Amino acid sequence: MSKVEDFLTQAQEQDIIKAIKVAEKNTSGEIRVHIEKTTSKPPMDRALEVFYLLEMEKTEQRNGVLFYVAVESKKFAIIGDEGINSLVPENFWDSEKELVLSHFVNGQASLGLQLAIKEVGEKLKDFFPYLSNDKNELSDEISKG
């Protein structure tokens, strides 16, 4: 198996998908997780590329958030679209990144992602509450590259 398949168990992947679904239940915001083997690029640069590859900028309110992981390269980034990015406090993404990384170093990648997804979902709910006509604009599945 490759490092991408070894990074999370099937159960852990399902736990992350469940965390995304729970987080999105109270917001029109969208959360994605993308995992790939490696990148030679700075993590934010590659995350931005993936963000556009996944067409996350096409959400109506520009409120998508991507959690990007390059397993073998040990690189991680969180990127929020302009709608959410313009509203969160300046250090918000850094705080979420540190939360995830603190769990990565302890071998608890799934837990770190789930906790940060929950917190990002709360922030999305504050700024983009769920409306009755909201639809799930992006897949909740973990994408892999």
N, C-alpha and C. Protein backbone atom coordinates (compact mmCIF):
# COMPACT_ATOMS: atom_id res chain seq x y z
N MET A 1 0.84 -1.20 0.00
CA MET A 1 0.00 0.00 0.00
C MET A 1 0.87 1.24 0.00
N SER A 2 0.34 2.30 -0.59
CA SER A 2 1.08 3.55 -0.59
C SER A 2 0.87 4.28 0.73
N LYS A 3 1.65 5.31 0.93
CA LYS A 3 1.53 6.09 2.16
C LYS A 3 0.16 6.77 2.26
N VAL A 4 -0.45 7.08 1.12
CA VAL A 4 -1.77 7.71 1.16
C VAL A 4 -2.80 6.75 1.77
N GLU A 5 -2.77 5.49 1.32
CA GLU A 5 -3.71 4.50 1.87
C GLU A 5 -3.40 4.17 3.33
N ASP A 6 -2.13 4.24 3.71
CA ASP A 6 -1.74 3.93 5.08
C ASP A 6 -2.00 5.08 6.05
N PHE A 7 -2.19 6.27 5.53
CA PHE A 7 -2.31 7.45 6.38
C PHE A 7 -3.52 7.37 7.31
N LEU A 8 -4.64 6.94 6.78
CA LEU A 8 -5.87 6.80 7.56
C LEU A 8 -6.47 5.42 7.32
N THR A 9 -7.03 4.84 8.35
CA THR A 9 -7.78 3.60 8.15
C THR A 9 -9.12 3.94 7.52
N GLN A 10 -9.80 2.92 7.04
CA GLN A 10 -11.14 3.12 6.47
C GLN A 10 -12.08 3.72 7.51
N ALA A 11 -11.99 3.24 8.74
CA ALA A 11 -12.84 3.76 9.82
C ALA A 11 -12.51 5.22 10.10
N GLN A 12 -11.24 5.57 10.09
CA GLN A 12 -10.85 6.96 10.33
C GLN A 12 -11.35 7.86 9.21
N GLU A 13 -11.27 7.38 7.98
CA GLU A 13 -11.81 8.17 6.86
C GLU A 13 -13.30 8.41 7.06
N GLN A 14 -14.02 7.38 7.48
CA GLN A 14 -15.45 7.53 7.71
C GLN A 14 -15.73 8.51 8.85
N ASP A 15 -14.89 8.49 9.87
CA ASP A 15 -15.03 9.44 10.98
C ASP A 15 -14.83 10.88 10.50
N ILE A 16 -13.88 11.08 9.61
CA ILE A 16 -13.64 12.42 9.07
C ILE A 16 -14.81 12.87 8.21
N ILE A 17 -15.30 11.98 7.37
CA ILE A 17 -16.46 12.31 6.53
C ILE A 17 -17.66 12.64 7.41
N LYS A 18 -17.85 11.88 8.48
CA LYS A 18 -18.95 12.17 9.42
C LYS A 18 -18.76 13.55 10.05
N ALA A 19 -17.52 13.89 10.43
CA ALA A 19 -17.23 15.21 11.01
C ALA A 19 -17.58 16.33 10.02
N ILE A 20 -17.27 16.10 8.74
CA ILE A 20 -17.61 17.08 7.71
C ILE A 20 -19.13 17.24 7.62
N LYS A 21 -19.85 16.13 7.57
CA LYS A 21 -21.31 16.18 7.47
C LYS A 21 -21.93 16.90 8.68
N VAL A 22 -21.42 16.61 9.87
CA VAL A 22 -21.93 17.26 11.08
C VAL A 22 -21.63 18.76 11.03
N ALA A 23 -20.41 19.11 10.65
CA ALA A 23 -20.02 20.52 10.58
C ALA A 23 -20.86 21.28 9.57
N GLU A 24 -21.16 20.65 8.44
CA GLU A 24 -21.90 21.32 7.38
C GLU A 24 -23.41 21.35 7.64
N LYS A 25 -23.86 20.59 8.63
CA LYS A 25 -25.29 20.52 8.93
C LYS A 25 -25.85 21.87 9.36
N ASN A 26 -25.01 22.70 9.98
CA ASN A 26 -25.47 23.98 10.51
C ASN A 26 -24.97 25.18 9.74
N THR A 27 -24.45 24.95 8.54
CA THR A 27 -23.88 26.05 7.77
C THR A 27 -24.05 25.80 6.28
N SER A 28 -24.00 26.88 5.52
CA SER A 28 -23.97 26.74 4.07
C SER A 28 -22.53 26.57 3.59
N GLY A 29 -21.56 26.67 4.51
CA GLY A 29 -20.16 26.49 4.16
C GLY A 29 -19.86 25.07 3.74
N GLU A 30 -18.74 24.91 3.05
CA GLU A 30 -18.33 23.61 2.52
C GLU A 30 -16.92 23.30 2.98
N ILE A 31 -16.69 22.06 3.40
CA ILE A 31 -15.39 21.62 3.88
C ILE A 31 -14.96 20.40 3.07
N ARG A 32 -13.70 20.41 2.63
CA ARG A 32 -13.13 19.25 1.92
C ARG A 32 -11.80 18.88 2.57
N VAL A 33 -11.45 17.61 2.45
CA VAL A 33 -10.13 17.12 2.84
C VAL A 33 -9.52 16.46 1.62
N HIS A 34 -8.27 16.83 1.32
CA HIS A 34 -7.55 16.23 0.19
C HIS A 34 -6.23 15.68 0.71
N ILE A 35 -5.96 14.42 0.36
CA ILE A 35 -4.74 13.75 0.78
C ILE A 35 -4.01 13.26 -0.46
N GLU A 36 -2.71 13.56 -0.51
CA GLU A 36 -1.89 13.03 -1.59
C GLU A 36 -0.54 12.61 -1.05
N LYS A 37 0.20 11.88 -1.85
CA LYS A 37 1.46 11.31 -1.40
C LYS A 37 2.51 12.38 -1.13
N THR A 38 2.76 13.24 -2.10
CA THR A 38 3.88 14.16 -1.98
C THR A 38 3.67 15.41 -2.81
N THR A 39 4.41 16.44 -2.46
CA THR A 39 4.48 17.65 -3.26
C THR A 39 5.84 18.29 -3.03
N SER A 40 6.37 18.89 -4.07
CA SER A 40 7.63 19.62 -3.94
C SER A 40 7.36 21.11 -3.73
N LYS A 41 6.10 21.48 -3.80
CA LYS A 41 5.72 22.89 -3.67
C LYS A 41 5.47 23.25 -2.20
N PRO A 42 5.54 24.54 -1.89
CA PRO A 42 5.12 24.96 -0.54
C PRO A 42 3.66 24.53 -0.33
N PRO A 43 3.31 24.09 0.88
CA PRO A 43 1.97 23.52 1.10
C PRO A 43 0.82 24.47 0.73
N MET A 44 0.96 25.76 1.00
CA MET A 44 -0.13 26.68 0.65
C MET A 44 -0.29 26.80 -0.86
N ASP A 45 0.83 26.78 -1.60
CA ASP A 45 0.76 26.85 -3.06
C ASP A 45 0.05 25.62 -3.62
N ARG A 46 0.43 24.45 -3.13
CA ARG A 46 -0.21 23.23 -3.62
C ARG A 46 -1.67 23.16 -3.19
N ALA A 47 -1.96 23.60 -1.97
CA ALA A 47 -3.35 23.60 -1.49
C ALA A 47 -4.20 24.50 -2.37
N LEU A 48 -3.66 25.62 -2.79
CA LEU A 48 -4.41 26.52 -3.66
C LEU A 48 -4.68 25.86 -5.01
N GLU A 49 -3.70 25.16 -5.54
CA GLU A 49 -3.91 24.43 -6.80
C GLU A 49 -5.02 23.40 -6.64
N VAL A 50 -4.96 22.63 -5.56
CA VAL A 50 -5.98 21.60 -5.31
C VAL A 50 -7.34 22.25 -5.12
N PHE A 51 -7.38 23.38 -4.42
CA PHE A 51 -8.62 24.11 -4.19
C PHE A 51 -9.33 24.37 -5.53
N TYR A 52 -8.55 24.83 -6.52
CA TYR A 52 -9.12 25.11 -7.83
C TYR A 52 -9.40 23.84 -8.62
N LEU A 53 -8.56 22.83 -8.48
CA LEU A 53 -8.82 21.55 -9.15
C LEU A 53 -10.14 20.94 -8.68
N LEU A 54 -10.44 21.12 -7.40
CA LEU A 54 -11.70 20.59 -6.84
C LEU A 54 -12.87 21.55 -7.06
N GLU A 55 -12.59 22.67 -7.73
CA GLU A 55 -13.60 23.69 -8.06
C GLU A 55 -14.29 24.23 -6.81
N MET A 56 -13.52 24.39 -5.75
CA MET A 56 -14.08 24.87 -4.49
C MET A 56 -14.43 26.35 -4.54
N GLU A 57 -13.87 27.08 -5.48
CA GLU A 57 -14.17 28.51 -5.61
C GLU A 57 -15.55 28.74 -6.23
N LYS A 58 -16.21 27.68 -6.62
CA LYS A 58 -17.51 27.81 -7.29
C LYS A 58 -18.69 27.76 -6.33
N THR A 59 -18.44 27.74 -5.01
CA THR A 59 -19.56 27.79 -4.08
C THR A 59 -20.21 29.17 -4.17
N GLU A 60 -21.49 29.20 -4.00
CA GLU A 60 -22.25 30.45 -4.17
C GLU A 60 -21.74 31.58 -3.27
N GLN A 61 -21.44 31.25 -2.02
CA GLN A 61 -21.02 32.29 -1.08
C GLN A 61 -19.51 32.33 -0.87
N ARG A 62 -18.78 31.59 -1.69
CA ARG A 62 -17.30 31.55 -1.61
C ARG A 62 -16.85 31.21 -0.18
N ASN A 63 -17.46 30.14 0.37
CA ASN A 63 -17.21 29.78 1.76
C ASN A 63 -16.70 28.35 1.92
N GLY A 64 -15.90 27.92 0.97
CA GLY A 64 -15.29 26.60 1.05
C GLY A 64 -13.98 26.63 1.82
N VAL A 65 -13.69 25.53 2.51
CA VAL A 65 -12.45 25.39 3.27
C VAL A 65 -11.83 24.05 2.91
N LEU A 66 -10.53 24.08 2.57
CA LEU A 66 -9.81 22.87 2.20
C LEU A 66 -8.74 22.55 3.24
N PHE A 67 -8.74 21.30 3.69
CA PHE A 67 -7.66 20.76 4.51
C PHE A 67 -6.80 19.93 3.56
N TYR A 68 -5.55 20.32 3.40
CA TYR A 68 -4.65 19.67 2.44
C TYR A 68 -3.53 18.95 3.19
N VAL A 69 -3.29 17.68 2.83
CA VAL A 69 -2.24 16.88 3.45
C VAL A 69 -1.42 16.20 2.36
N ALA A 70 -0.08 16.40 2.39
CA ALA A 70 0.85 15.63 1.57
C ALA A 70 1.60 14.71 2.53
N VAL A 71 1.23 13.45 2.53
CA VAL A 71 1.66 12.49 3.54
C VAL A 71 3.17 12.30 3.58
N GLU A 72 3.75 11.90 2.46
CA GLU A 72 5.18 11.59 2.45
C GLU A 72 6.03 12.85 2.65
N SER A 73 5.57 13.96 2.10
CA SER A 73 6.29 15.23 2.23
C SER A 73 6.12 15.86 3.61
N LYS A 74 5.16 15.33 4.35
CA LYS A 74 4.83 15.88 5.68
C LYS A 74 4.50 17.37 5.59
N LYS A 75 3.58 17.68 4.67
CA LYS A 75 3.15 19.06 4.49
C LYS A 75 1.64 19.14 4.70
N PHE A 76 1.22 20.25 5.27
CA PHE A 76 -0.18 20.44 5.60
C PHE A 76 -0.55 21.91 5.45
N ALA A 77 -1.76 22.15 4.98
CA ALA A 77 -2.25 23.53 4.87
C ALA A 77 -3.76 23.53 4.98
N ILE A 78 -4.28 24.66 5.42
CA ILE A 78 -5.72 24.91 5.40
C ILE A 78 -5.92 26.19 4.60
N ILE A 79 -6.86 26.14 3.69
CA ILE A 79 -7.13 27.32 2.88
C ILE A 79 -8.64 27.57 2.85
N GLY A 80 -9.01 28.81 3.09
CA GLY A 80 -10.41 29.20 3.04
C GLY A 80 -10.64 30.13 1.87
N ASP A 81 -11.78 29.99 1.22
CA ASP A 81 -12.12 30.86 0.09
C ASP A 81 -12.35 32.28 0.60
N GLU A 82 -12.44 33.21 -0.32
CA GLU A 82 -12.49 34.64 0.05
C GLU A 82 -13.68 35.00 0.92
N GLY A 83 -14.80 34.32 0.79
CA GLY A 83 -15.97 34.65 1.60
C GLY A 83 -15.73 34.43 3.08
N ILE A 84 -15.17 33.28 3.44
CA ILE A 84 -14.89 32.98 4.84
C ILE A 84 -13.58 33.62 5.29
N ASN A 85 -12.60 33.64 4.40
CA ASN A 85 -11.29 34.18 4.76
C ASN A 85 -11.36 35.65 5.17
N SER A 86 -12.26 36.39 4.55
CA SER A 86 -12.38 37.82 4.86
C SER A 86 -13.06 38.07 6.20
N LEU A 87 -13.66 37.04 6.80
CA LEU A 87 -14.44 37.21 8.03
C LEU A 87 -13.79 36.64 9.29
N VAL A 88 -12.93 35.65 9.13
CA VAL A 88 -12.32 35.04 10.32
C VAL A 88 -11.21 35.93 10.87
N PRO A 89 -10.92 35.81 12.17
CA PRO A 89 -9.81 36.58 12.75
C PRO A 89 -8.50 36.24 12.05
N GLU A 90 -7.57 37.14 12.09
CA GLU A 90 -6.31 37.01 11.37
C GLU A 90 -5.56 35.71 11.68
N ASN A 91 -5.56 35.28 12.91
CA ASN A 91 -4.79 34.09 13.30
C ASN A 91 -5.62 32.80 13.29
N PHE A 92 -6.84 32.85 12.81
CA PHE A 92 -7.74 31.69 12.87
C PHE A 92 -7.15 30.47 12.17
N TRP A 93 -6.71 30.63 10.92
CA TRP A 93 -6.20 29.48 10.17
C TRP A 93 -4.94 28.92 10.81
N ASP A 94 -4.09 29.80 11.34
CA ASP A 94 -2.88 29.33 12.02
C ASP A 94 -3.23 28.51 13.26
N SER A 95 -4.24 28.94 13.99
CA SER A 95 -4.68 28.18 15.18
C SER A 95 -5.19 26.80 14.79
N GLU A 96 -5.96 26.74 13.73
CA GLU A 96 -6.51 25.45 13.28
C GLU A 96 -5.38 24.55 12.77
N LYS A 97 -4.44 25.14 12.06
CA LYS A 97 -3.29 24.38 11.56
C LYS A 97 -2.50 23.79 12.73
N GLU A 98 -2.27 24.58 13.76
CA GLU A 98 -1.53 24.09 14.93
C GLU A 98 -2.28 22.98 15.65
N LEU A 99 -3.60 23.09 15.72
CA LEU A 99 -4.41 22.03 16.32
C LEU A 99 -4.20 20.72 15.58
N VAL A 100 -4.29 20.76 14.26
CA VAL A 100 -4.11 19.55 13.46
C VAL A 100 -2.69 19.01 13.62
N LEU A 101 -1.70 19.87 13.46
CA LEU A 101 -0.31 19.42 13.52
C LEU A 101 0.06 18.84 14.89
N SER A 102 -0.52 19.39 15.96
CA SER A 102 -0.23 18.85 17.29
C SER A 102 -0.70 17.41 17.42
N HIS A 103 -1.74 17.06 16.69
CA HIS A 103 -2.22 15.67 16.71
C HIS A 103 -1.45 14.80 15.71
N PHE A 104 -1.03 15.39 14.59
CA PHE A 104 -0.24 14.63 13.61
C PHE A 104 1.03 14.08 14.26
N VAL A 105 1.73 14.91 15.04
CA VAL A 105 3.01 14.47 15.64
C VAL A 105 2.80 13.36 16.66
N ASN A 106 1.61 13.23 17.18
CA ASN A 106 1.29 12.17 18.13
C ASN A 106 0.65 10.95 17.48
N GLY A 107 0.65 10.93 16.14
CA GLY A 107 0.07 9.80 15.43
C GLY A 107 -1.45 9.79 15.45
N GLN A 108 -2.06 10.95 15.67
CA GLN A 108 -3.51 11.04 15.76
C GLN A 108 -4.06 11.96 14.65
N ALA A 109 -3.67 11.68 13.42
CA ALA A 109 -4.06 12.52 12.29
C ALA A 109 -5.58 12.65 12.18
N SER A 110 -6.27 11.55 12.29
CA SER A 110 -7.72 11.56 12.16
C SER A 110 -8.37 12.46 13.22
N LEU A 111 -7.95 12.31 14.46
CA LEU A 111 -8.51 13.11 15.54
C LEU A 111 -8.23 14.59 15.31
N GLY A 112 -7.00 14.93 14.92
CA GLY A 112 -6.65 16.32 14.66
C GLY A 112 -7.51 16.93 13.57
N LEU A 113 -7.71 16.20 12.49
CA LEU A 113 -8.56 16.69 11.40
C LEU A 113 -10.00 16.84 11.88
N GLN A 114 -10.51 15.86 12.61
CA GLN A 114 -11.90 15.94 13.08
C GLN A 114 -12.12 17.15 14.00
N LEU A 115 -11.18 17.39 14.92
CA LEU A 115 -11.34 18.52 15.84
C LEU A 115 -11.30 19.85 15.09
N ALA A 116 -10.38 19.97 14.15
CA ALA A 116 -10.29 21.22 13.38
C ALA A 116 -11.50 21.40 12.47
N ILE A 117 -11.98 20.32 11.89
CA ILE A 117 -13.19 20.40 11.06
C ILE A 117 -14.36 20.90 11.90
N LYS A 118 -14.47 20.39 13.12
CA LYS A 118 -15.54 20.84 14.02
C LYS A 118 -15.43 22.34 14.29
N GLU A 119 -14.22 22.81 14.60
CA GLU A 119 -14.04 24.24 14.90
C GLU A 119 -14.28 25.11 13.67
N VAL A 120 -13.80 24.66 12.51
CA VAL A 120 -14.05 25.41 11.28
C VAL A 120 -15.54 25.44 10.98
N GLY A 121 -16.22 24.32 11.22
CA GLY A 121 -17.67 24.28 11.03
C GLY A 121 -18.39 25.28 11.92
N GLU A 122 -17.93 25.41 13.16
CA GLU A 122 -18.53 26.39 14.08
C GLU A 122 -18.34 27.81 13.56
N LYS A 123 -17.16 28.10 13.04
CA LYS A 123 -16.88 29.44 12.51
C LYS A 123 -17.72 29.68 11.25
N LEU A 124 -17.82 28.68 10.41
CA LEU A 124 -18.67 28.81 9.22
C LEU A 124 -20.12 29.07 9.62
N LYS A 125 -20.57 28.35 10.65
CA LYS A 125 -21.95 28.54 11.13
C LYS A 125 -22.17 29.97 11.59
N ASP A 126 -21.18 30.56 12.27
CA ASP A 126 -21.31 31.94 12.74
C ASP A 126 -21.54 32.91 11.59
N PHE A 127 -20.80 32.71 10.51
CA PHE A 127 -20.84 33.66 9.40
C PHE A 127 -21.77 33.25 8.26
N PHE A 128 -22.00 31.96 8.13
CA PHE A 128 -22.83 31.43 7.04
C PHE A 128 -23.80 30.39 7.59
N PRO A 129 -24.79 30.83 8.37
CA PRO A 129 -25.72 29.86 8.96
C PRO A 129 -26.50 29.09 7.88
N TYR A 130 -26.91 27.91 8.27
CA TYR A 130 -27.69 27.06 7.37
C TYR A 130 -29.02 27.73 7.04
N LEU A 131 -29.39 27.69 5.78
CA LEU A 131 -30.68 28.20 5.33
C LEU A 131 -31.48 27.03 4.77
N SER A 132 -32.78 27.13 4.80
CA SER A 132 -33.61 26.00 4.38
C SER A 132 -33.39 25.61 2.92
N ASN A 133 -32.93 26.54 2.10
CA ASN A 133 -32.73 26.23 0.69
C ASN A 133 -31.26 25.88 0.36
N ASP A 134 -30.45 25.71 1.41
CA ASP A 134 -29.05 25.35 1.18
C ASP A 134 -28.95 23.97 0.56
N LYS A 135 -27.93 23.81 -0.28
CA LYS A 135 -27.65 22.48 -0.82
C LYS A 135 -26.17 22.20 -0.63
N ASN A 136 -25.84 20.94 -0.56
CA ASN A 136 -24.45 20.52 -0.41
C ASN A 136 -23.78 20.72 -1.77
N GLU A 137 -22.96 21.76 -1.89
CA GLU A 137 -22.38 22.13 -3.18
C GLU A 137 -21.13 21.32 -3.53
N LEU A 138 -20.46 20.75 -2.52
CA LEU A 138 -19.23 19.98 -2.78
C LEU A 138 -19.31 18.64 -2.06
N SER A 139 -18.63 17.67 -2.62
CA SER A 139 -18.62 16.33 -2.02
C SER A 139 -18.01 16.37 -0.62
N ASP A 140 -18.53 15.52 0.24
CA ASP A 140 -17.97 15.38 1.59
C ASP A 140 -16.89 14.31 1.64
N GLU A 141 -16.74 13.56 0.56
CA GLU A 141 -15.75 12.49 0.50
C GLU A 141 -14.34 13.07 0.53
N ILE A 142 -13.40 12.29 1.05
CA ILE A 142 -12.01 12.68 1.05
C ILE A 142 -11.46 12.44 -0.37
N SER A 143 -10.88 13.47 -0.95
CA SER A 143 -10.28 13.31 -2.28
C SER A 143 -8.82 12.92 -2.11
N LYS A 144 -8.32 12.17 -3.08
CA LYS A 144 -6.94 11.70 -3.01
C LYS A 144 -6.27 11.94 -4.35
N GLY A 145 -5.00 12.29 -4.27
CA GLY A 145 -4.27 12.58 -5.50
C GLY A 145 -2.99 11.81 -5.59
